[in-house]
PDB file of N, CA and C in Angstrom:
ATOM      1  N   UNK A   1     -63.132 -67.196  -0.339  1.00  0.00           N
ATOM      2  CA  UNK A   1     -64.170 -65.608  -0.072  1.00  0.00           C
ATOM      3  C   UNK A   1     -66.024 -65.851  -0.973  1.00  0.00           C
ATOM      4  N   UNK A   2     -65.424 -66.324  -2.366  1.00  0.00           N
ATOM      5  CA  UNK A   2     -66.360 -66.368  -3.445  1.00  0.00           C
ATOM      6  C   UNK A   2     -67.612 -67.341  -3.024  1.00  0.00           C
ATOM      7  N   UNK A   3     -67.461 -68.344  -1.817  1.00  0.00           N
ATOM      8  CA  UNK A   3     -68.333 -69.536  -1.515  1.00  0.00           C
ATOM      9  C   UNK A   3     -68.662 -68.599  -0.347  1.00  0.00           C
ATOM     10  N   UNK A   4     -70.236 -68.764  -0.690  1.00  0.00           N
ATOM     11  CA  UNK A   4     -70.702 -68.523   1.075  1.00  0.00           C
ATOM     12  C   UNK A   4     -71.237 -70.379   2.047  1.00  0.00           C
ATOM     13  N   UNK A   5     -70.715 -70.672   2.691  1.00  0.00           N
ATOM     14  CA  UNK A   5     -71.910 -71.809   3.381  1.00  0.00           C
ATOM     15  C   UNK A   5     -72.834 -71.706   3.861  1.00  0.00           C
ATOM     16  N   UNK A   6     -74.009 -72.547   3.021  1.00  0.00           N
ATOM     17  CA  UNK A   6     -75.088 -72.315   3.642  1.00  0.00           C
ATOM     18  C   UNK A   6     -75.817 -73.062   4.866  1.00  0.00           C
ATOM     19  N   UNK A   7     -76.250 -72.718   5.999  1.00  0.00           N
ATOM     20  CA  UNK A   7     -76.389 -73.566   7.087  1.00  0.00           C
ATOM     21  C   UNK A   7     -77.553 -73.313   7.020  1.00  0.00           C
ATOM     22  N   UNK A   8     -78.510 -74.359   7.773  1.00  0.00           N
ATOM     23  CA  UNK A   8     -79.565 -75.294   8.390  1.00  0.00           C
ATOM     24  C   UNK A   8     -80.175 -73.668   8.999  1.00  0.00           C
ATOM     25  N   UNK A   9     -81.430 -73.321   8.659  1.00  0.00           N
ATOM     26  CA  UNK A   9     -82.048 -72.324   9.440  1.00  0.00           C
ATOM     27  C   UNK A   9     -82.848 -72.841  10.010  1.00  0.00           C
ATOM     28  N   UNK A  10     -82.910 -72.812  11.420  1.00  0.00           N
ATOM     29  CA  UNK A  10     -83.480 -73.212  12.324  1.00  0.00           C
ATOM     30  C   UNK A  10     -84.675 -72.281  13.163  1.00  0.00           C
ATOM     31  N   UNK A  11     -86.034 -73.174  12.567  1.00  0.00           N
ATOM     32  CA  UNK A  11     -87.224 -72.876  13.505  1.00  0.00           C
ATOM     33  C   UNK A  11     -87.064 -71.872  14.617  1.00  0.00           C
ATOM     34  N   UNK A  12     -88.096 -70.746  15.331  1.00  0.00           N
ATOM     35  CA  UNK A  12     -87.383 -70.083  16.809  1.00  0.00           C
ATOM     36  C   UNK A  12     -88.802 -71.215  17.132  1.00  0.00           C
ATOM     37  N   UNK A  13     -88.163 -71.199  18.394  1.00  0.00           N
ATOM     38  CA  UNK A  13     -89.283 -72.080  18.890  1.00  0.00           C
ATOM     39  C   UNK A  13     -90.347 -71.261  20.357  1.00  0.00           C
ATOM     40  N   UNK A  14     -91.730 -71.447  19.765  1.00  0.00           N
ATOM     41  CA  UNK A  14     -92.407 -70.906  20.263  1.00  0.00           C
ATOM     42  C   UNK A  14     -92.547 -70.622  22.059  1.00  0.00           C
ATOM     43  N   UNK A  15     -92.570 -69.264  22.399  1.00  0.00           N
ATOM     44  CA  UNK A  15     -92.825 -68.893  24.161  1.00  0.00           C
ATOM     45  C   UNK A  15     -93.392 -69.857  24.585  1.00  0.00           C
ATOM     46  N   UNK A  16     -93.277 -70.456  25.932  1.00  0.00           N
ATOM     47  CA  UNK A  16     -93.943 -70.977  26.522  1.00  0.00           C
ATOM     48  C   UNK A  16     -94.472 -70.196  27.786  1.00  0.00           C
ATOM     49  N   UNK A  17     -95.467 -70.817  28.675  1.00  0.00           N
ATOM     50  CA  UNK A  17     -96.167 -69.953  29.593  1.00  0.00           C
ATOM     51  C   UNK A  17     -95.137 -69.617  30.390  1.00  0.00           C
ATOM     52  N   UNK A  18     -94.197 -71.185  31.070  1.00  0.00           N
ATOM     53  CA  UNK A  18     -93.173 -70.885  31.834  1.00  0.00           C
ATOM     54  C   UNK A  18     -91.911 -70.177  32.023  1.00  0.00           C
ATOM     55  N   UNK A  19     -91.626 -69.685  30.148  1.00  0.00           N
ATOM     56  CA  UNK A  19     -90.544 -68.906  30.054  1.00  0.00           C
ATOM     57  C   UNK A  19     -91.159 -67.757  30.679  1.00  0.00           C
ATOM     58  N   UNK A  20     -92.191 -67.131  30.296  1.00  0.00           N
ATOM     59  CA  UNK A  20     -92.968 -65.774  30.757  1.00  0.00           C
ATOM     60  C   UNK A  20     -92.914 -65.926  32.348  1.00  0.00           C
ATOM     61  N   UNK A  21     -93.611 -67.038  32.968  1.00  0.00           N
ATOM     62  CA  UNK A  21     -93.698 -66.951  34.447  1.00  0.00           C
ATOM     63  C   UNK A  21     -92.143 -66.777  34.681  1.00  0.00           C
ATOM     64  N   UNK A  22     -91.281 -67.165  34.505  1.00  0.00           N
ATOM     65  CA  UNK A  22     -90.079 -67.469  35.203  1.00  0.00           C
ATOM     66  C   UNK A  22     -89.536 -65.286  34.877  1.00  0.00           C
ATOM     67  N   UNK A  23     -89.429 -65.322  33.497  1.00  0.00           N
ATOM     68  CA  UNK A  23     -89.578 -63.813  33.367  1.00  0.00           C
ATOM     69  C   UNK A  23     -89.820 -62.664  34.891  1.00  0.00           C
ATOM     70  N   UNK A  24     -91.026 -62.833  34.872  1.00  0.00           N
ATOM     71  CA  UNK A  24     -91.422 -61.772  35.405  1.00  0.00           C
ATOM     72  C   UNK A  24     -91.262 -61.923  37.108  1.00  0.00           C
ATOM     73  N   UNK A  25     -91.240 -63.258  37.267  1.00  0.00           N
ATOM     74  CA  UNK A  25     -90.507 -63.568  38.745  1.00  0.00           C
ATOM     75  C   UNK A  25     -89.112 -62.619  39.044  1.00  0.00           C
ATOM     76  N   UNK A  26     -88.620 -62.385  37.653  1.00  0.00           N
ATOM     77  CA  UNK A  26     -87.058 -62.215  38.118  1.00  0.00           C
ATOM     78  C   UNK A  26     -87.587 -60.073  38.822  1.00  0.00           C
ATOM     79  N   UNK A  27     -88.531 -59.757  38.178  1.00  0.00           N
ATOM     80  CA  UNK A  27     -88.480 -58.397  38.465  1.00  0.00           C
ATOM     81  C   UNK A  27     -88.766 -57.928  39.798  1.00  0.00           C
ATOM     82  N   UNK A  28     -88.572 -56.578  40.524  1.00  0.00           N
ATOM     83  CA  UNK A  28     -88.733 -56.442  41.635  1.00  0.00           C
ATOM     84  C   UNK A  28     -90.322 -55.892  41.638  1.00  0.00           C
ATOM     85  N   UNK A  29     -91.092 -56.222  42.650  1.00  0.00           N
ATOM     86  CA  UNK A  29     -92.466 -55.650  43.232  1.00  0.00           C
ATOM     87  C   UNK A  29     -92.220 -53.772  43.264  1.00  0.00           C
ATOM     88  N   UNK A  30     -91.386 -53.325  43.826  1.00  0.00           N
ATOM     89  CA  UNK A  30     -91.490 -51.598  44.028  1.00  0.00           C
ATOM     90  C   UNK A  30     -90.542 -51.437  43.058  1.00  0.00           C
ATOM     91  N   UNK A  31     -90.724 -51.353  41.975  1.00  0.00           N
ATOM     92  CA  UNK A  31     -89.988 -50.926  41.053  1.00  0.00           C
ATOM     93  C   UNK A  31     -91.104 -49.763  40.104  1.00  0.00           C
ATOM     94  N   UNK A  32     -91.205 -48.726  39.762  1.00  0.00           N
ATOM     95  CA  UNK A  32     -91.919 -47.651  38.927  1.00  0.00           C
ATOM     96  C   UNK A  32     -92.858 -48.111  37.987  1.00  0.00           C
ATOM     97  N   UNK A  33     -93.752 -46.862  37.973  1.00  0.00           N
ATOM     98  CA  UNK A  33     -94.527 -47.071  36.949  1.00  0.00           C
ATOM     99  C   UNK A  33     -94.314 -47.194  35.795  1.00  0.00           C
ATOM    100  N   UNK A  34     -95.294 -48.449  34.440  1.00  0.00           N
ATOM    101  CA  UNK A  34     -94.921 -48.538  33.270  1.00  0.00           C
ATOM    102  C   UNK A  34     -94.796 -47.614  32.364  1.00  0.00           C
ATOM    103  N   UNK A  35     -95.138 -47.522  31.345  1.00  0.00           N
ATOM    104  CA  UNK A  35     -95.702 -46.705  30.210  1.00  0.00           C
ATOM    105  C   UNK A  35     -96.790 -46.555  30.377  1.00  0.00           C
ATOM    106  N   UNK A  36     -97.692 -48.363  30.260  1.00  0.00           N
ATOM    107  CA  UNK A  36     -99.054 -48.064  30.822  1.00  0.00           C
ATOM    108  C   UNK A  36     -99.357 -48.205  32.370  1.00  0.00           C
ATOM    109  N   UNK A  37     -98.455 -47.704  32.520  1.00  0.00           N
ATOM    110  CA  UNK A  37     -99.036 -47.316  34.741  1.00  0.00           C
ATOM    111  C   UNK A  37     -99.792 -48.681  34.983  1.00  0.00           C
ATOM    112  N   UNK A  38     -98.726 -49.070  34.705  1.00  0.00           N
ATOM    113  CA  UNK A  38     -98.462 -51.103  35.936  1.00  0.00           C
ATOM    114  C   UNK A  38     -97.595 -50.928  36.996  1.00  0.00           C
ATOM    115  N   UNK A  39     -97.943 -51.558  37.651  1.00  0.00           N
ATOM    116  CA  UNK A  39     -96.792 -51.775  38.723  1.00  0.00           C
ATOM    117  C   UNK A  39     -96.445 -53.644  38.111  1.00  0.00           C
ATOM    118  N   UNK A  40     -95.178 -53.892  38.514  1.00  0.00           N
ATOM    119  CA  UNK A  40     -94.685 -55.443  38.123  1.00  0.00           C
ATOM    120  C   UNK A  40     -95.802 -56.057  39.295  1.00  0.00           C
ATOM    121  N   UNK A  41     -95.756 -55.688  39.817  1.00  0.00           N
ATOM    122  CA  UNK A  41     -96.890 -56.311  41.516  1.00  0.00           C
ATOM    123  C   UNK A  41     -98.050 -56.378  40.728  1.00  0.00           C
ATOM    124  N   UNK A  42     -98.616 -55.743  40.401  1.00  0.00           N
ATOM    125  CA  UNK A  42    -100.044 -55.362  39.556  1.00  0.00           C
ATOM    126  C   UNK A  42     -99.858 -56.715  37.996  1.00  0.00           C
ATOM    127  N   UNK A  43     -98.775 -56.516  37.414  1.00  0.00           N
ATOM    128  CA  UNK A  43     -98.493 -57.357  36.230  1.00  0.00           C
ATOM    129  C   UNK A  43     -98.545 -58.859  36.479  1.00  0.00           C
ATOM    130  N   UNK A  44     -98.190 -58.702  37.824  1.00  0.00           N
ATOM    131  CA  UNK A  44     -97.861 -60.523  38.028  1.00  0.00           C
ATOM    132  C   UNK A  44     -98.958 -60.918  38.510  1.00  0.00           C
ATOM    133  N   UNK A  45     -99.723 -60.323  38.963  1.00  0.00           N
ATOM    134  CA  UNK A  45    -101.213 -60.936  39.384  1.00  0.00           C
ATOM    135  C   UNK A  45    -102.534 -60.902  38.262  1.00  0.00           C
ATOM    136  N   UNK A  46    -102.294 -60.202  37.490  1.00  0.00           N
ATOM    137  CA  UNK A  46    -102.645 -60.781  36.044  1.00  0.00           C
ATOM    138  C   UNK A  46    -102.372 -61.713  35.327  1.00  0.00           C
ATOM    139  N   UNK A  47    -100.962 -61.928  35.182  1.00  0.00           N
ATOM    140  CA  UNK A  47    -100.323 -63.105  34.639  1.00  0.00           C
ATOM    141  C   UNK A  47    -100.732 -64.568  35.567  1.00  0.00           C
ATOM    142  N   UNK A  48    -101.299 -64.109  36.704  1.00  0.00           N
ATOM    143  CA  UNK A  48    -101.731 -65.547  37.554  1.00  0.00           C
ATOM    144  C   UNK A  48    -102.751 -66.899  36.785  1.00  0.00           C
ATOM    145  N   UNK A  49    -103.606 -65.565  36.408  1.00  0.00           N
ATOM    146  CA  UNK A  49    -105.082 -66.289  35.776  1.00  0.00           C
ATOM    147  C   UNK A  49    -104.198 -66.646  34.209  1.00  0.00           C
ATOM    148  N   UNK A  50    -104.226 -68.110  33.843  1.00  0.00           N
ATOM    149  CA  UNK A  50    -103.794 -68.779  32.498  1.00  0.00           C
ATOM    150  C   UNK A  50    -104.423 -67.920  31.627  1.00  0.00           C
ATOM    151  N   UNK A  51    -105.756 -67.301  31.626  1.00  0.00           N
ATOM    152  CA  UNK A  51    -106.323 -66.912  30.364  1.00  0.00           C
ATOM    153  C   UNK A  51    -105.048 -65.483  29.329  1.00  0.00           C
ATOM    154  N   UNK A  52    -105.173 -64.566  31.110  1.00  0.00           N
ATOM    155  CA  UNK A  52    -104.317 -63.730  30.545  1.00  0.00           C
ATOM    156  C   UNK A  52    -103.023 -64.624  30.041  1.00  0.00           C
ATOM    157  N   UNK A  53    -102.144 -65.401  30.863  1.00  0.00           N
ATOM    158  CA  UNK A  53    -100.947 -65.556  30.379  1.00  0.00           C
ATOM    159  C   UNK A  53    -100.692 -65.698  29.355  1.00  0.00           C
ATOM    160  N   UNK A  54    -101.745 -66.977  28.711  1.00  0.00           N
ATOM    161  CA  UNK A  54    -101.759 -67.478  27.236  1.00  0.00           C
ATOM    162  C   UNK A  54    -101.993 -66.000  26.380  1.00  0.00           C
ATOM    163  N   UNK A  55    -102.420 -65.433  26.182  1.00  0.00           N
ATOM    164  CA  UNK A  55    -103.060 -64.033  25.613  1.00  0.00           C
ATOM    165  C   UNK A  55    -101.477 -62.916  25.822  1.00  0.00           C
ATOM    166  N   UNK A  56    -101.203 -62.896  26.797  1.00  0.00           N
ATOM    167  CA  UNK A  56     -99.387 -62.440  26.377  1.00  0.00           C
ATOM    168  C   UNK A  56     -98.814 -63.038  25.677  1.00  0.00           C
ATOM    169  N   UNK A  57     -98.587 -64.731  26.345  1.00  0.00           N
ATOM    170  CA  UNK A  57     -97.713 -65.857  25.548  1.00  0.00           C
ATOM    171  C   UNK A  57     -98.103 -65.457  24.056  1.00  0.00           C
ATOM    172  N   UNK A  58     -99.451 -65.623  23.468  1.00  0.00           N
ATOM    173  CA  UNK A  58     -99.946 -65.315  22.264  1.00  0.00           C
ATOM    174  C   UNK A  58     -99.286 -64.524  21.413  1.00  0.00           C
ATOM    175  N   UNK A  59     -99.341 -63.106  21.642  1.00  0.00           N
ATOM    176  CA  UNK A  59     -98.679 -61.853  21.625  1.00  0.00           C
ATOM    177  C   UNK A  59     -97.151 -62.086  21.344  1.00  0.00           C
ATOM    178  N   UNK A  60     -96.232 -62.283  22.140  1.00  0.00           N
ATOM    179  CA  UNK A  60     -95.218 -62.784  21.963  1.00  0.00           C
ATOM    180  C   UNK A  60     -94.569 -63.513  20.838  1.00  0.00           C
ATOM    181  N   UNK A  61     -95.741 -64.794  20.809  1.00  0.00           N
ATOM    182  CA  UNK A  61     -95.693 -65.811  19.623  1.00  0.00           C
ATOM    183  C   UNK A  61     -95.865 -64.921  18.361  1.00  0.00           C
ATOM    184  N   UNK A  62     -96.614 -64.023  18.327  1.00  0.00           N
ATOM    185  CA  UNK A  62     -97.193 -63.536  16.900  1.00  0.00           C
ATOM    186  C   UNK A  62     -96.399 -62.683  16.758  1.00  0.00           C
ATOM    187  N   UNK A  63     -95.446 -61.715  17.792  1.00  0.00           N
ATOM    188  CA  UNK A  63     -94.342 -61.132  16.902  1.00  0.00           C
ATOM    189  C   UNK A  63     -93.311 -61.305  16.236  1.00  0.00           C
ATOM    190  N   UNK A  64     -93.028 -62.278  17.004  1.00  0.00           N
ATOM    191  CA  UNK A  64     -91.647 -63.665  16.111  1.00  0.00           C
ATOM    192  C   UNK A  64     -91.959 -63.861  15.026  1.00  0.00           C
ATOM    193  N   UNK A  65     -93.559 -64.346  14.694  1.00  0.00           N
ATOM    194  CA  UNK A  65     -93.575 -65.212  13.515  1.00  0.00           C
ATOM    195  C   UNK A  65     -93.877 -64.328  12.391  1.00  0.00           C
ATOM    196  N   UNK A  66     -94.371 -63.057  12.843  1.00  0.00           N
ATOM    197  CA  UNK A  66     -94.426 -61.897  11.878  1.00  0.00           C
ATOM    198  C   UNK A  66     -93.639 -60.976  11.678  1.00  0.00           C
ATOM    199  N   UNK A  67     -92.451 -61.380  12.731  1.00  0.00           N
ATOM    200  CA  UNK A  67     -91.200 -60.462  12.143  1.00  0.00           C
ATOM    201  C   UNK A  67     -91.813 -58.901  12.914  1.00  0.00           C
ATOM    202  N   UNK A  68     -92.121 -59.006  13.617  1.00  0.00           N
ATOM    203  CA  UNK A  68     -93.059 -57.388  13.975  1.00  0.00           C
ATOM    204  C   UNK A  68     -92.867 -56.892  15.049  1.00  0.00           C
ATOM    205  N   UNK A  69     -92.390 -56.086  15.345  1.00  0.00           N
ATOM    206  CA  UNK A  69     -92.782 -55.869  16.829  1.00  0.00           C
ATOM    207  C   UNK A  69     -93.823 -54.112  17.022  1.00  0.00           C
ATOM    208  N   UNK A  70     -94.743 -54.328  17.805  1.00  0.00           N
ATOM    209  CA  UNK A  70     -95.475 -53.360  18.090  1.00  0.00           C
ATOM    210  C   UNK A  70     -94.869 -52.213  18.089  1.00  0.00           C
ATOM    211  N   UNK A  71     -96.173 -51.389  17.324  1.00  0.00           N
ATOM    212  CA  UNK A  71     -95.384 -49.657  17.739  1.00  0.00           C
ATOM    213  C   UNK A  71     -95.820 -49.424  19.191  1.00  0.00           C
ATOM    214  N   UNK A  72     -96.626 -50.129  19.942  1.00  0.00           N
ATOM    215  CA  UNK A  72     -96.852 -49.777  21.469  1.00  0.00           C
ATOM    216  C   UNK A  72     -95.591 -50.400  22.420  1.00  0.00           C
ATOM    217  N   UNK A  73     -95.061 -51.075  21.783  1.00  0.00           N
ATOM    218  CA  UNK A  73     -93.854 -51.736  22.249  1.00  0.00           C
ATOM    219  C   UNK A  73     -92.815 -51.117  22.372  1.00  0.00           C
ATOM    220  N   UNK A  74     -92.500 -50.178  21.335  1.00  0.00           N
ATOM    221  CA  UNK A  74     -91.410 -49.309  20.596  1.00  0.00           C
ATOM    222  C   UNK A  74     -91.758 -47.530  21.617  1.00  0.00           C
ATOM    223  N   UNK A  75     -93.277 -47.101  22.300  1.00  0.00           N
ATOM    224  CA  UNK A  75     -93.379 -45.861  22.520  1.00  0.00           C
ATOM    225  C   UNK A  75     -92.370 -45.945  24.153  1.00  0.00           C
ATOM    226  N   UNK A  76     -91.827 -45.080  24.271  1.00  0.00           N
ATOM    227  CA  UNK A  76     -90.864 -44.608  25.716  1.00  0.00           C
ATOM    228  C   UNK A  76     -91.468 -42.963  26.201  1.00  0.00           C
ATOM    229  N   UNK A  77     -91.641 -42.630  27.428  1.00  0.00           N
ATOM    230  CA  UNK A  77     -91.661 -41.417  28.094  1.00  0.00           C
ATOM    231  C   UNK A  77     -90.881 -41.441  29.174  1.00  0.00           C
ATOM    232  N   UNK A  78     -89.595 -40.827  28.676  1.00  0.00           N
ATOM    233  CA  UNK A  78     -88.805 -40.067  29.304  1.00  0.00           C
ATOM    234  C   UNK A  78     -88.663 -38.870  30.192  1.00  0.00           C
ATOM    235  N   UNK A  79     -88.310 -39.082  31.812  1.00  0.00           N
ATOM    236  CA  UNK A  79     -88.659 -38.562  32.975  1.00  0.00           C
ATOM    237  C   UNK A  79     -87.111 -37.264  33.112  1.00  0.00           C
ATOM    238  N   UNK A  80     -87.616 -36.494  33.020  1.00  0.00           N
ATOM    239  CA  UNK A  80     -85.871 -35.705  33.456  1.00  0.00           C
ATOM    240  C   UNK A  80     -86.494 -35.629  35.174  1.00  0.00           C
ATOM    241  N   UNK A  81     -85.157 -35.690  35.545  1.00  0.00           N
ATOM    242  CA  UNK A  81     -84.860 -35.428  37.025  1.00  0.00           C
ATOM    243  C   UNK A  81     -83.842 -34.632  37.533  1.00  0.00           C
ATOM    244  N   UNK A  82     -84.168 -33.338  37.931  1.00  0.00           N
ATOM    245  CA  UNK A  82     -82.405 -32.540  38.683  1.00  0.00           C
ATOM    246  C   UNK A  82     -81.929 -33.336  39.122  1.00  0.00           C
ATOM    247  N   UNK A  83     -80.788 -33.201  39.542  1.00  0.00           N
ATOM    248  CA  UNK A  83     -80.168 -33.830  40.721  1.00  0.00           C
ATOM    249  C   UNK A  83     -79.732 -32.934  41.561  1.00  0.00           C
ATOM    250  N   UNK A  84     -79.841 -33.360  42.921  1.00  0.00           N
ATOM    251  CA  UNK A  84     -79.757 -32.695  44.418  1.00  0.00           C
ATOM    252  C   UNK A  84     -78.505 -31.713  44.963  1.00  0.00           C
ATOM    253  N   UNK A  85     -78.717 -30.897  44.678  1.00  0.00           N
ATOM    254  CA  UNK A  85     -77.405 -29.798  45.442  1.00  0.00           C
ATOM    255  C   UNK A  85     -76.422 -29.584  44.390  1.00  0.00           C
ATOM    256  N   UNK A  86     -77.060 -29.428  43.510  1.00  0.00           N
ATOM    257  CA  UNK A  86     -76.239 -28.539  41.531  1.00  0.00           C
ATOM    258  C   UNK A  86     -76.940 -26.937  41.975  1.00  0.00           C
ATOM    259  N   UNK A  87     -76.471 -25.845  41.488  1.00  0.00           N
ATOM    260  CA  UNK A  87     -76.715 -24.826  41.574  1.00  0.00           C
ATOM    261  C   UNK A  87     -77.201 -24.441  40.327  1.00  0.00           C
ATOM    262  N   UNK A  88     -76.482 -25.105  39.157  1.00  0.00           N
ATOM    263  CA  UNK A  88     -76.459 -24.822  37.724  1.00  0.00           C
ATOM    264  C   UNK A  88     -76.888 -25.972  36.763  1.00  0.00           C
ATOM    265  N   UNK A  89     -78.187 -25.493  36.377  1.00  0.00           N
ATOM    266  CA  UNK A  89     -78.545 -26.899  35.576  1.00  0.00           C
ATOM    267  C   UNK A  89     -78.476 -26.605  34.055  1.00  0.00           C
ATOM    268  N   UNK A  90     -77.122 -26.005  33.526  1.00  0.00           N
ATOM    269  CA  UNK A  90     -76.767 -25.990  32.895  1.00  0.00           C
ATOM    270  C   UNK A  90     -76.494 -26.777  31.531  1.00  0.00           C
ATOM    271  N   UNK A  91     -76.194 -27.988  32.156  1.00  0.00           N
ATOM    272  CA  UNK A  91     -75.396 -29.472  31.168  1.00  0.00           C
ATOM    273  C   UNK A  91     -76.508 -30.946  31.420  1.00  0.00           C
ATOM    274  N   UNK A  92     -76.353 -31.618  30.811  1.00  0.00           N
ATOM    275  CA  UNK A  92     -77.371 -32.542  31.183  1.00  0.00           C
ATOM    276  C   UNK A  92     -76.177 -33.148  32.233  1.00  0.00           C
ATOM    277  N   UNK A  93     -75.360 -33.575  32.364  1.00  0.00           N
ATOM    278  CA  UNK A  93     -74.382 -33.662  33.589  1.00  0.00           C
ATOM    279  C   UNK A  93     -75.660 -33.389  34.984  1.00  0.00           C
ATOM    280  N   UNK A  94     -76.031 -32.830  34.489  1.00  0.00           N
ATOM    281  CA  UNK A  94     -76.850 -32.276  35.864  1.00  0.00           C
ATOM    282  C   UNK A  94     -78.255 -32.807  36.337  1.00  0.00           C
ATOM    283  N   UNK A  95     -78.635 -33.490  35.570  1.00  0.00           N
ATOM    284  CA  UNK A  95     -79.738 -34.718  35.069  1.00  0.00           C
ATOM    285  C   UNK A  95     -79.783 -35.857  35.411  1.00  0.00           C
ATOM    286  N   UNK A  96     -80.952 -36.418  35.584  1.00  0.00           N
ATOM    287  CA  UNK A  96     -80.870 -38.008  35.853  1.00  0.00           C
ATOM    288  C   UNK A  96     -82.282 -38.154  35.001  1.00  0.00           C
ATOM    289  N   UNK A  97     -81.930 -39.052  34.086  1.00  0.00           N
ATOM    290  CA  UNK A  97     -83.484 -39.244  33.282  1.00  0.00           C
ATOM    291  C   UNK A  97     -83.528 -40.759  33.317  1.00  0.00           C
ATOM    292  N   UNK A  98     -85.169 -41.103  33.827  1.00  0.00           N
ATOM    293  CA  UNK A  98     -85.727 -41.954  33.481  1.00  0.00           C
ATOM    294  C   UNK A  98     -86.360 -42.345  32.557  1.00  0.00           C
ATOM    295  N   UNK A  99     -86.262 -43.610  31.960  1.00  0.00           N
ATOM    296  CA  UNK A  99     -87.179 -43.705  30.870  1.00  0.00           C
ATOM    297  C   UNK A  99     -88.331 -45.292  30.747  1.00  0.00           C
ATOM    298  N   UNK A 100     -89.086 -44.753  31.065  1.00  0.00           N
ATOM    299  CA  UNK A 100     -90.573 -45.480  30.810  1.00  0.00           C
ATOM    300  C   UNK A 100     -90.947 -46.216  29.938  1.00  0.00           C
ATOM    301  N   UNK A 101     -91.049 -47.605  30.112  1.00  0.00           N
ATOM    302  CA  UNK A 101     -91.500 -48.540  28.575  1.00  0.00           C
ATOM    303  C   UNK A 101     -93.008 -49.334  28.891  1.00  0.00           C
ATOM    304  N   UNK A 102     -93.168 -49.878  27.983  1.00  0.00           N
ATOM    305  CA  UNK A 102     -94.397 -50.621  28.176  1.00  0.00           C
ATOM    306  C   UNK A 102     -93.801 -51.880  29.327  1.00  0.00           C
ATOM    307  N   UNK A 103     -94.423 -52.527  30.011  1.00  0.00           N
ATOM    308  CA  UNK A 103     -94.382 -53.674  30.549  1.00  0.00           C
ATOM    309  C   UNK A 103     -95.018 -55.219  30.174  1.00  0.00           C
ATOM    310  N   UNK A 104     -95.369 -55.049  28.990  1.00  0.00           N
ATOM    311  CA  UNK A 104     -95.129 -56.587  28.182  1.00  0.00           C
ATOM    312  C   UNK A 104     -94.544 -56.493  27.200  1.00  0.00           C
ATOM    313  N   UNK A 105     -93.836 -55.384  26.802  1.00  0.00           N
ATOM    314  CA  UNK A 105     -92.428 -55.347  25.265  1.00  0.00           C
ATOM    315  C   UNK A 105     -91.222 -55.539  26.623  1.00  0.00           C
ATOM    316  N   UNK A 106     -91.025 -54.920  27.362  1.00  0.00           N
ATOM    317  CA  UNK A 106     -90.439 -55.076  28.408  1.00  0.00           C
ATOM    318  C   UNK A 106     -89.857 -56.884  28.435  1.00  0.00           C
ATOM    319  N   UNK A 107     -90.750 -57.907  28.919  1.00  0.00           N
ATOM    320  CA  UNK A 107     -91.572 -58.677  29.398  1.00  0.00           C
ATOM    321  C   UNK A 107     -90.937 -59.658  28.394  1.00  0.00           C
ATOM    322  N   UNK A 108     -91.002 -59.467  26.852  1.00  0.00           N
ATOM    323  CA  UNK A 108     -91.024 -60.221  25.883  1.00  0.00           C
ATOM    324  C   UNK A 108     -89.797 -60.251  25.507  1.00  0.00           C
ATOM    325  N   UNK A 109     -89.002 -59.109  25.390  1.00  0.00           N
ATOM    326  CA  UNK A 109     -87.138 -58.775  25.441  1.00  0.00           C
ATOM    327  C   UNK A 109     -86.546 -59.287  26.514  1.00  0.00           C
ATOM    328  N   UNK A 110     -87.131 -59.546  27.252  1.00  0.00           N
ATOM    329  CA  UNK A 110     -86.763 -59.882  28.567  1.00  0.00           C
ATOM    330  C   UNK A 110     -85.981 -61.755  28.201  1.00  0.00           C
ATOM    331  N   UNK A 111     -87.260 -62.277  27.774  1.00  0.00           N
ATOM    332  CA  UNK A 111     -87.728 -63.443  27.613  1.00  0.00           C
ATOM    333  C   UNK A 111     -86.563 -63.870  26.575  1.00  0.00           C
ATOM    334  N   UNK A 112     -86.653 -62.794  25.569  1.00  0.00           N
ATOM    335  CA  UNK A 112     -85.805 -63.332  23.981  1.00  0.00           C
ATOM    336  C   UNK A 112     -84.611 -63.207  24.901  1.00  0.00           C
ATOM    337  N   UNK A 113     -83.913 -62.092  25.299  1.00  0.00           N
ATOM    338  CA  UNK A 113     -82.602 -61.981  25.821  1.00  0.00           C
ATOM    339  C   UNK A 113     -81.849 -63.395  26.420  1.00  0.00           C
ATOM    340  N   UNK A 114     -83.030 -63.751  27.308  1.00  0.00           N
ATOM    341  CA  UNK A 114     -82.220 -65.225  28.131  1.00  0.00           C
ATOM    342  C   UNK A 114     -82.311 -66.269  27.078  1.00  0.00           C
ATOM    343  N   UNK A 115     -83.503 -66.275  26.184  1.00  0.00           N
ATOM    344  CA  UNK A 115     -82.961 -67.190  25.164  1.00  0.00           C
ATOM    345  C   UNK A 115     -81.941 -67.521  24.255  1.00  0.00           C
ATOM    346  N   UNK A 116     -81.404 -65.822  24.347  1.00  0.00           N
ATOM    347  CA  UNK A 116     -79.851 -65.567  23.220  1.00  0.00           C
ATOM    348  C   UNK A 116     -79.152 -66.275  24.246  1.00  0.00           C
ATOM    349  N   UNK A 117     -78.816 -65.993  25.473  1.00  0.00           N
ATOM    350  CA  UNK A 117     -77.622 -65.918  26.330  1.00  0.00           C
ATOM    351  C   UNK A 117     -77.417 -67.268  26.444  1.00  0.00           C
ATOM    352  N   UNK A 118     -78.699 -68.330  27.192  1.00  0.00           N
ATOM    353  CA  UNK A 118     -78.241 -69.701  26.945  1.00  0.00           C
ATOM    354  C   UNK A 118     -78.772 -70.568  25.994  1.00  0.00           C
TER     355      UNK A 118
END
């Protein structure tokens, strides 16, 4: 129990443009606005330009290399929607909650999640 096995620490491989393209293609174009007031279809149009795609990849790689998640990615906006046909709204069960996040932050987290799964 006193012995701790030291294992080789592996470096995190940098993100690639293909990973981001693959992850963004899986998002539905008809989703709601994000915190930055963008739809996925708008975001998909932006990343067709290699310059912007490379900027997004660089942001993701810098976040990983510095072990720092930008505060802009941590912000959210909660929208409370009353459920239809309810007479009283005195319980949290009577409401639906929608949480809007930053699209780029969601995309980076999706790429990280896919890497960890596979």
